[in-house]
């Protein structure tokens, strides 16, 4: 395989992984926004269990996105 085709394959893989990480970050941002809304809404009994679940989901998405991006640093 030529060097240029290898670079193209790596670039395409990098683009795919960045897209996946970006989607995960979007999900995490939505979860955090919903959790913050639940905390700040007056007259709404903020259910700690629901807020905790949203925060855990957001953290999981952030971790997955971070891992996807960290793998890319290993590519020469």
PDB file of N, CA and C in Angstrom:
ATOM      1  N   UNK A   1       0.853  -1.169   0.000  1.00  0.00           N
ATOM      2  CA  UNK A   1       0.000   0.000   0.000  1.00  0.00           C
ATOM      3  C   UNK A   1       0.904   1.239   0.000  1.00  0.00           C
ATOM      4  N   UNK A   2       0.583   2.202  -0.833  1.00  0.00           N
ATOM      5  CA  UNK A   2       1.423   3.391  -0.925  1.00  0.00           C
ATOM      6  C   UNK A   2       1.235   4.293   0.290  1.00  0.00           C
ATOM      7  N   UNK A   3       2.211   5.155   0.491  1.00  0.00           N
ATOM      8  CA  UNK A   3       2.166   6.066   1.643  1.00  0.00           C
ATOM      9  C   UNK A   3       0.974   7.008   1.556  1.00  0.00           C
ATOM     10  N   UNK A   4       0.658   7.487   0.355  1.00  0.00           N
ATOM     11  CA  UNK A   4      -0.473   8.420   0.210  1.00  0.00           C
ATOM     12  C   UNK A   4      -1.810   7.735   0.487  1.00  0.00           C
ATOM     13  N   UNK A   5      -1.957   6.465   0.064  1.00  0.00           N
ATOM     14  CA  UNK A   5      -3.219   5.775   0.340  1.00  0.00           C
ATOM     15  C   UNK A   5      -3.331   5.447   1.828  1.00  0.00           C
ATOM     16  N   UNK A   6      -2.204   5.156   2.470  1.00  0.00           N
ATOM     17  CA  UNK A   6      -2.204   4.913   3.908  1.00  0.00           C
ATOM     18  C   UNK A   6      -2.603   6.183   4.651  1.00  0.00           C
ATOM     19  N   UNK A   7      -2.041   7.306   4.237  1.00  0.00           N
ATOM     20  CA  UNK A   7      -2.391   8.589   4.872  1.00  0.00           C
ATOM     21  C   UNK A   7      -3.870   8.907   4.669  1.00  0.00           C
ATOM     22  N   UNK A   8      -4.384   8.623   3.478  1.00  0.00           N
ATOM     23  CA  UNK A   8      -5.796   8.872   3.201  1.00  0.00           C
ATOM     24  C   UNK A   8      -6.681   8.015   4.095  1.00  0.00           C
ATOM     25  N   UNK A   9      -6.309   6.748   4.263  1.00  0.00           N
ATOM     26  CA  UNK A   9      -7.088   5.858   5.133  1.00  0.00           C
ATOM     27  C   UNK A   9      -7.045   6.351   6.573  1.00  0.00           C
ATOM     28  N   UNK A  10      -5.875   6.798   7.033  1.00  0.00           N
ATOM     29  CA  UNK A  10      -5.755   7.323   8.389  1.00  0.00           C
ATOM     30  C   UNK A  10      -6.574   8.598   8.556  1.00  0.00           C
ATOM     31  N   UNK A  11      -6.560   9.450   7.548  1.00  0.00           N
ATOM     32  CA  UNK A  11      -7.335  10.693   7.606  1.00  0.00           C
ATOM     33  C   UNK A  11      -8.827  10.385   7.662  1.00  0.00           C
ATOM     34  N   UNK A  12      -9.270   9.427   6.876  1.00  0.00           N
ATOM     35  CA  UNK A  12     -10.689   9.056   6.884  1.00  0.00           C
ATOM     36  C   UNK A  12     -11.082   8.461   8.232  1.00  0.00           C
ATOM     37  N   UNK A  13     -10.217   7.631   8.789  1.00  0.00           N
ATOM     38  CA  UNK A  13     -10.487   7.030  10.100  1.00  0.00           C
ATOM     39  C   UNK A  13     -10.514   8.107  11.182  1.00  0.00           C
ATOM     40  N   UNK A  14      -9.592   9.037  11.096  1.00  0.00           N
ATOM     41  CA  UNK A  14      -9.563  10.142  12.046  1.00  0.00           C
ATOM     42  C   UNK A  14     -10.842  10.966  11.956  1.00  0.00           C
ATOM     43  N   UNK A  15     -11.270  11.253  10.749  1.00  0.00           N
ATOM     44  CA  UNK A  15     -12.505  12.010  10.552  1.00  0.00           C
ATOM     45  C   UNK A  15     -13.703  11.264  11.144  1.00  0.00           C
ATOM     46  N   UNK A  16     -13.763   9.959  10.935  1.00  0.00           N
ATOM     47  CA  UNK A  16     -14.863   9.142  11.464  1.00  0.00           C
ATOM     48  C   UNK A  16     -14.860   9.171  12.995  1.00  0.00           C
ATOM     49  N   UNK A  17     -13.692   9.015  13.592  1.00  0.00           N
ATOM     50  CA  UNK A  17     -13.608   8.998  15.050  1.00  0.00           C
ATOM     51  C   UNK A  17     -13.936  10.363  15.645  1.00  0.00           C
ATOM     52  N   UNK A  18     -13.525  11.421  14.990  1.00  0.00           N
ATOM     53  CA  UNK A  18     -13.868  12.770  15.470  1.00  0.00           C
ATOM     54  C   UNK A  18     -15.366  12.986  15.390  1.00  0.00           C
ATOM     55  N   UNK A  19     -15.994  12.500  14.327  1.00  0.00           N
ATOM     56  CA  UNK A  19     -17.449  12.633  14.192  1.00  0.00           C
ATOM     57  C   UNK A  19     -18.161  11.892  15.324  1.00  0.00           C
ATOM     58  N   UNK A  20     -17.707  10.684  15.621  1.00  0.00           N
ATOM     59  CA  UNK A  20     -18.312   9.902  16.709  1.00  0.00           C
ATOM     60  C   UNK A  20     -18.115  10.614  18.041  1.00  0.00           C
ATOM     61  N   UNK A  21     -16.918  11.101  18.284  1.00  0.00           N
ATOM     62  CA  UNK A  21     -16.640  11.809  19.540  1.00  0.00           C
ATOM     63  C   UNK A  21     -17.492  13.058  19.654  1.00  0.00           C
ATOM     64  N   UNK A  22     -17.660  13.771  18.558  1.00  0.00           N
ATOM     65  CA  UNK A  22     -18.485  14.979  18.559  1.00  0.00           C
ATOM     66  C   UNK A  22     -19.944  14.645  18.882  1.00  0.00           C
ATOM     67  N   UNK A  23     -20.441  13.561  18.315  1.00  0.00           N
ATOM     68  CA  UNK A  23     -21.813  13.135  18.614  1.00  0.00           C
ATOM     69  C   UNK A  23     -21.957  12.795  20.095  1.00  0.00           C
ATOM     70  N   UNK A  24     -20.965  12.116  20.665  1.00  0.00           N
ATOM     71  CA  UNK A  24     -20.987  11.778  22.093  1.00  0.00           C
ATOM     72  C   UNK A  24     -20.968  13.043  22.945  1.00  0.00           C
ATOM     73  N   UNK A  25     -20.169  14.011  22.546  1.00  0.00           N
ATOM     74  CA  UNK A  25     -20.118  15.277  23.285  1.00  0.00           C
ATOM     75  C   UNK A  25     -21.457  16.004  23.213  1.00  0.00           C
ATOM     76  N   UNK A  26     -22.137  15.938  22.075  1.00  0.00           N
ATOM     77  CA  UNK A  26     -23.465  16.541  21.950  1.00  0.00           C
ATOM     78  C   UNK A  26     -24.459  15.891  22.921  1.00  0.00           C
ATOM     79  N   UNK A  27     -24.407  14.572  23.009  1.00  0.00           N
ATOM     80  CA  UNK A  27     -25.298  13.851  23.931  1.00  0.00           C
ATOM     81  C   UNK A  27     -24.988  14.257  25.371  1.00  0.00           C
ATOM     82  N   UNK A  28     -23.718  14.321  25.707  1.00  0.00           N
ATOM     83  CA  UNK A  28     -23.321  14.713  27.062  1.00  0.00           C
ATOM     84  C   UNK A  28     -23.797  16.124  27.377  1.00  0.00           C
ATOM     85  N   UNK A  29     -23.668  17.018  26.429  1.00  0.00           N
ATOM     86  CA  UNK A  29     -24.114  18.399  26.635  1.00  0.00           C
ATOM     87  C   UNK A  29     -25.625  18.454  26.885  1.00  0.00           C
ATOM     88  N   UNK A  30     -26.389  17.686  26.126  1.00  0.00           N
ATOM     89  CA  UNK A  30     -27.850  17.656  26.334  1.00  0.00           C
ATOM     90  C   UNK A  30     -28.188  17.117  27.725  1.00  0.00           C
ATOM     91  N   UNK A  31     -27.519  16.039  28.124  1.00  0.00           N
ATOM     92  CA  UNK A  31     -27.774  15.452  29.445  1.00  0.00           C
ATOM     93  C   UNK A  31     -27.448  16.444  30.559  1.00  0.00           C
ATOM     94  N   UNK A  32     -26.323  17.133  30.428  1.00  0.00           N
ATOM     95  CA  UNK A  32     -25.948  18.126  31.435  1.00  0.00           C
ATOM     96  C   UNK A  32     -26.947  19.282  31.470  1.00  0.00           C
ATOM     97  N   UNK A  33     -27.409  19.712  30.315  1.00  0.00           N
ATOM     98  CA  UNK A  33     -28.405  20.784  30.253  1.00  0.00           C
ATOM     99  C   UNK A  33     -29.691  20.371  30.951  1.00  0.00           C
ATOM    100  N   UNK A  34     -30.147  19.149  30.697  1.00  0.00           N
ATOM    101  CA  UNK A  34     -31.366  18.660  31.345  1.00  0.00           C
ATOM    102  C   UNK A  34     -31.189  18.540  32.852  1.00  0.00           C
ATOM    103  N   UNK A  35     -30.031  18.087  33.283  1.00  0.00           N
ATOM    104  CA  UNK A  35     -29.768  17.984  34.718  1.00  0.00           C
ATOM    105  C   UNK A  35     -29.764  19.366  35.363  1.00  0.00           C
ATOM    106  N   UNK A  36     -29.132  20.321  34.713  1.00  0.00           N
ATOM    107  CA  UNK A  36     -29.093  21.686  35.254  1.00  0.00           C
ATOM    108  C   UNK A  36     -30.497  22.295  35.304  1.00  0.00           C
ATOM    109  N   UNK A  37     -31.308  22.029  34.300  1.00  0.00           N
ATOM    110  CA  UNK A  37     -32.684  22.531  34.306  1.00  0.00           C
ATOM    111  C   UNK A  37     -33.459  21.942  35.471  1.00  0.00           C
ATOM    112  N   UNK A  38     -33.275  20.669  35.718  1.00  0.00           N
ATOM    113  CA  UNK A  38     -33.982  20.015  36.822  1.00  0.00           C
ATOM    114  C   UNK A  38     -33.557  20.607  38.163  1.00  0.00           C
ATOM    115  N   UNK A  39     -32.313  20.985  38.277  1.00  0.00           N
ATOM    116  CA  UNK A  39     -31.815  21.560  39.524  1.00  0.00           C
ATOM    117  C   UNK A  39     -32.345  22.970  39.738  1.00  0.00           C
ATOM    118  N   UNK A  40     -32.421  23.751  38.677  1.00  0.00           N
ATOM    119  CA  UNK A  40     -32.722  25.179  38.806  1.00  0.00           C
ATOM    120  C   UNK A  40     -34.195  25.542  38.682  1.00  0.00           C
ATOM    121  N   UNK A  41     -35.045  24.618  38.274  1.00  0.00           N
ATOM    122  CA  UNK A  41     -36.458  24.948  38.115  1.00  0.00           C
ATOM    123  C   UNK A  41     -37.135  25.124  39.478  1.00  0.00           C
ATOM    124  N   UNK A  42     -37.736  26.292  39.700  1.00  0.00           N
ATOM    125  CA  UNK A  42     -38.474  26.469  40.955  1.00  0.00           C
ATOM    126  C   UNK A  42     -39.788  25.678  40.913  1.00  0.00           C
ATOM    127  N   UNK A  43     -40.279  25.325  42.064  1.00  0.00           N
ATOM    128  CA  UNK A  43     -41.549  24.609  42.192  1.00  0.00           C
ATOM    129  C   UNK A  43     -41.535  23.239  41.528  1.00  0.00           C
ATOM    130  N   UNK A  44     -40.417  22.791  41.121  1.00  0.00           N
ATOM    131  CA  UNK A  44     -40.285  21.441  40.586  1.00  0.00           C
ATOM    132  C   UNK A  44     -39.391  20.704  41.560  1.00  0.00           C
ATOM    133  N   UNK A  45     -39.915  19.697  42.183  1.00  0.00           N
ATOM    134  CA  UNK A  45     -39.089  18.920  43.088  1.00  0.00           C
ATOM    135  C   UNK A  45     -38.034  18.197  42.264  1.00  0.00           C
ATOM    136  N   UNK A  46     -36.833  18.706  42.350  1.00  0.00           N
ATOM    137  CA  UNK A  46     -35.742  18.098  41.602  1.00  0.00           C
ATOM    138  C   UNK A  46     -35.464  16.717  42.199  1.00  0.00           C
ATOM    139  N   UNK A  47     -35.738  15.710  41.429  1.00  0.00           N
ATOM    140  CA  UNK A  47     -35.544  14.338  41.866  1.00  0.00           C
ATOM    141  C   UNK A  47     -34.061  14.003  41.755  1.00  0.00           C
ATOM    142  N   UNK A  48     -33.424  13.822  42.902  1.00  0.00           N
ATOM    143  CA  UNK A  48     -31.981  13.564  42.913  1.00  0.00           C
ATOM    144  C   UNK A  48     -31.610  12.326  42.107  1.00  0.00           C
ATOM    145  N   UNK A  49     -32.472  11.334  42.087  1.00  0.00           N
ATOM    146  CA  UNK A  49     -32.173  10.118  41.329  1.00  0.00           C
ATOM    147  C   UNK A  49     -32.127  10.404  39.832  1.00  0.00           C
ATOM    148  N   UNK A  50     -33.098  11.172  39.353  1.00  0.00           N
ATOM    149  CA  UNK A  50     -33.130  11.519  37.923  1.00  0.00           C
ATOM    150  C   UNK A  50     -31.936  12.392  37.564  1.00  0.00           C
ATOM    151  N   UNK A  51     -31.641  13.365  38.410  1.00  0.00           N
ATOM    152  CA  UNK A  51     -30.497  14.247  38.159  1.00  0.00           C
ATOM    153  C   UNK A  51     -29.210  13.425  38.156  1.00  0.00           C
ATOM    154  N   UNK A  52     -29.079  12.524  39.112  1.00  0.00           N
ATOM    155  CA  UNK A  52     -27.898  11.672  39.169  1.00  0.00           C
ATOM    156  C   UNK A  52     -27.739  10.821  37.929  1.00  0.00           C
ATOM    157  N   UNK A  53     -28.852  10.272  37.432  1.00  0.00           N
ATOM    158  CA  UNK A  53     -28.801   9.456  36.213  1.00  0.00           C
ATOM    159  C   UNK A  53     -28.350  10.289  35.021  1.00  0.00           C
ATOM    160  N   UNK A  54     -28.863  11.493  34.910  1.00  0.00           N
ATOM    161  CA  UNK A  54     -28.476  12.372  33.797  1.00  0.00           C
ATOM    162  C   UNK A  54     -26.986  12.715  33.876  1.00  0.00           C
ATOM    163  N   UNK A  55     -26.522  13.006  35.089  1.00  0.00           N
ATOM    164  CA  UNK A  55     -25.104  13.335  35.248  1.00  0.00           C
ATOM    165  C   UNK A  55     -24.212  12.126  34.955  1.00  0.00           C
ATOM    166  N   UNK A  56     -24.646  10.937  35.385  1.00  0.00           N
ATOM    167  CA  UNK A  56     -23.875   9.725  35.085  1.00  0.00           C
ATOM    168  C   UNK A  56     -23.831   9.468  33.577  1.00  0.00           C
ATOM    169  N   UNK A  57     -24.973   9.658  32.915  1.00  0.00           N
ATOM    170  CA  UNK A  57     -25.022   9.455  31.458  1.00  0.00           C
ATOM    171  C   UNK A  57     -24.089  10.440  30.757  1.00  0.00           C
ATOM    172  N   UNK A  58     -24.099  11.681  31.214  1.00  0.00           N
ATOM    173  CA  UNK A  58     -23.226  12.692  30.615  1.00  0.00           C
ATOM    174  C   UNK A  58     -21.758  12.325  30.819  1.00  0.00           C
ATOM    175  N   UNK A  59     -21.409  11.903  32.018  1.00  0.00           N
ATOM    176  CA  UNK A  59     -20.020  11.518  32.289  1.00  0.00           C
ATOM    177  C   UNK A  59     -19.594  10.326  31.445  1.00  0.00           C
ATOM    178  N   UNK A  60     -20.490   9.389  31.268  1.00  0.00           N
ATOM    179  CA  UNK A  60     -20.173   8.219  30.446  1.00  0.00           C
ATOM    180  C   UNK A  60     -19.921   8.642  28.998  1.00  0.00           C
ATOM    181  N   UNK A  61     -20.765   9.528  28.469  1.00  0.00           N
ATOM    182  CA  UNK A  61     -20.583  10.004  27.098  1.00  0.00           C
ATOM    183  C   UNK A  61     -19.271  10.777  26.961  1.00  0.00           C
ATOM    184  N   UNK A  62     -18.949  11.601  27.955  1.00  0.00           N
ATOM    185  CA  UNK A  62     -17.687  12.342  27.918  1.00  0.00           C
ATOM    186  C   UNK A  62     -16.494  11.393  27.934  1.00  0.00           C
ATOM    187  N   UNK A  63     -16.577  10.358  28.754  1.00  0.00           N
ATOM    188  CA  UNK A  63     -15.501   9.372  28.810  1.00  0.00           C
ATOM    189  C   UNK A  63     -15.332   8.634  27.499  1.00  0.00           C
ATOM    190  N   UNK A  64     -16.432   8.267  26.882  1.00  0.00           N
ATOM    191  CA  UNK A  64     -16.371   7.560  25.606  1.00  0.00           C
ATOM    192  C   UNK A  64     -15.777   8.453  24.520  1.00  0.00           C
ATOM    193  N   UNK A  65     -16.189   9.714  24.511  1.00  0.00           N
ATOM    194  CA  UNK A  65     -15.641  10.660  23.533  1.00  0.00           C
ATOM    195  C   UNK A  65     -14.141  10.849  23.759  1.00  0.00           C
ATOM    196  N   UNK A  66     -13.748  10.985  25.002  1.00  0.00           N
ATOM    197  CA  UNK A  66     -12.332  11.165  25.331  1.00  0.00           C
ATOM    198  C   UNK A  66     -11.520   9.956  24.872  1.00  0.00           C
ATOM    199  N   UNK A  67     -12.034   8.761  25.106  1.00  0.00           N
ATOM    200  CA  UNK A  67     -11.334   7.546  24.695  1.00  0.00           C
ATOM    201  C   UNK A  67     -11.190   7.479  23.180  1.00  0.00           C
ATOM    202  N   UNK A  68     -12.225   7.849  22.464  1.00  0.00           N
ATOM    203  CA  UNK A  68     -12.162   7.827  21.003  1.00  0.00           C
ATOM    204  C   UNK A  68     -11.084   8.790  20.505  1.00  0.00           C
ATOM    205  N   UNK A  69     -11.003   9.937  21.105  1.00  0.00           N
ATOM    206  CA  UNK A  69      -9.991  10.908  20.691  1.00  0.00           C
ATOM    207  C   UNK A  69      -8.601  10.487  21.137  1.00  0.00           C
ATOM    208  N   UNK A  70      -8.489   9.872  22.296  1.00  0.00           N
ATOM    209  CA  UNK A  70      -7.185   9.430  22.791  1.00  0.00           C
ATOM    210  C   UNK A  70      -6.585   8.370  21.880  1.00  0.00           C
ATOM    211  N   UNK A  71      -7.405   7.527  21.306  1.00  0.00           N
ATOM    212  CA  UNK A  71      -6.911   6.500  20.389  1.00  0.00           C
ATOM    213  C   UNK A  71      -6.260   7.133  19.175  1.00  0.00           C
ATOM    214  N   UNK A  72      -6.748   8.277  18.773  1.00  0.00           N
ATOM    215  CA  UNK A  72      -6.210   8.939  17.597  1.00  0.00           C
ATOM    216  C   UNK A  72      -4.795   9.437  17.823  1.00  0.00           C
ATOM    217  N   UNK A  73      -4.443   9.774  19.047  1.00  0.00           N
ATOM    218  CA  UNK A  73      -3.102  10.264  19.324  1.00  0.00           C
ATOM    219  C   UNK A  73      -2.060   9.163  19.116  1.00  0.00           C
ATOM    220  N   UNK A  74      -2.504   7.926  19.132  1.00  0.00           N
ATOM    221  CA  UNK A  74      -1.576   6.808  18.972  1.00  0.00           C
ATOM    222  C   UNK A  74      -1.210   6.580  17.502  1.00  0.00           C
ATOM    223  N   UNK A  75      -1.977   7.170  16.607  1.00  0.00           N
ATOM    224  CA  UNK A  75      -1.718   6.988  15.175  1.00  0.00           C
ATOM    225  C   UNK A  75      -0.565   7.911  14.762  1.00  0.00           C
ATOM    226  N   UNK A  76       0.478   7.383  14.127  1.00  0.00           N
ATOM    227  CA  UNK A  76       1.620   8.219  13.725  1.00  0.00           C
ATOM    228  C   UNK A  76       1.276   9.149  12.584  1.00  0.00           C
TER     229      UNK A  76
END
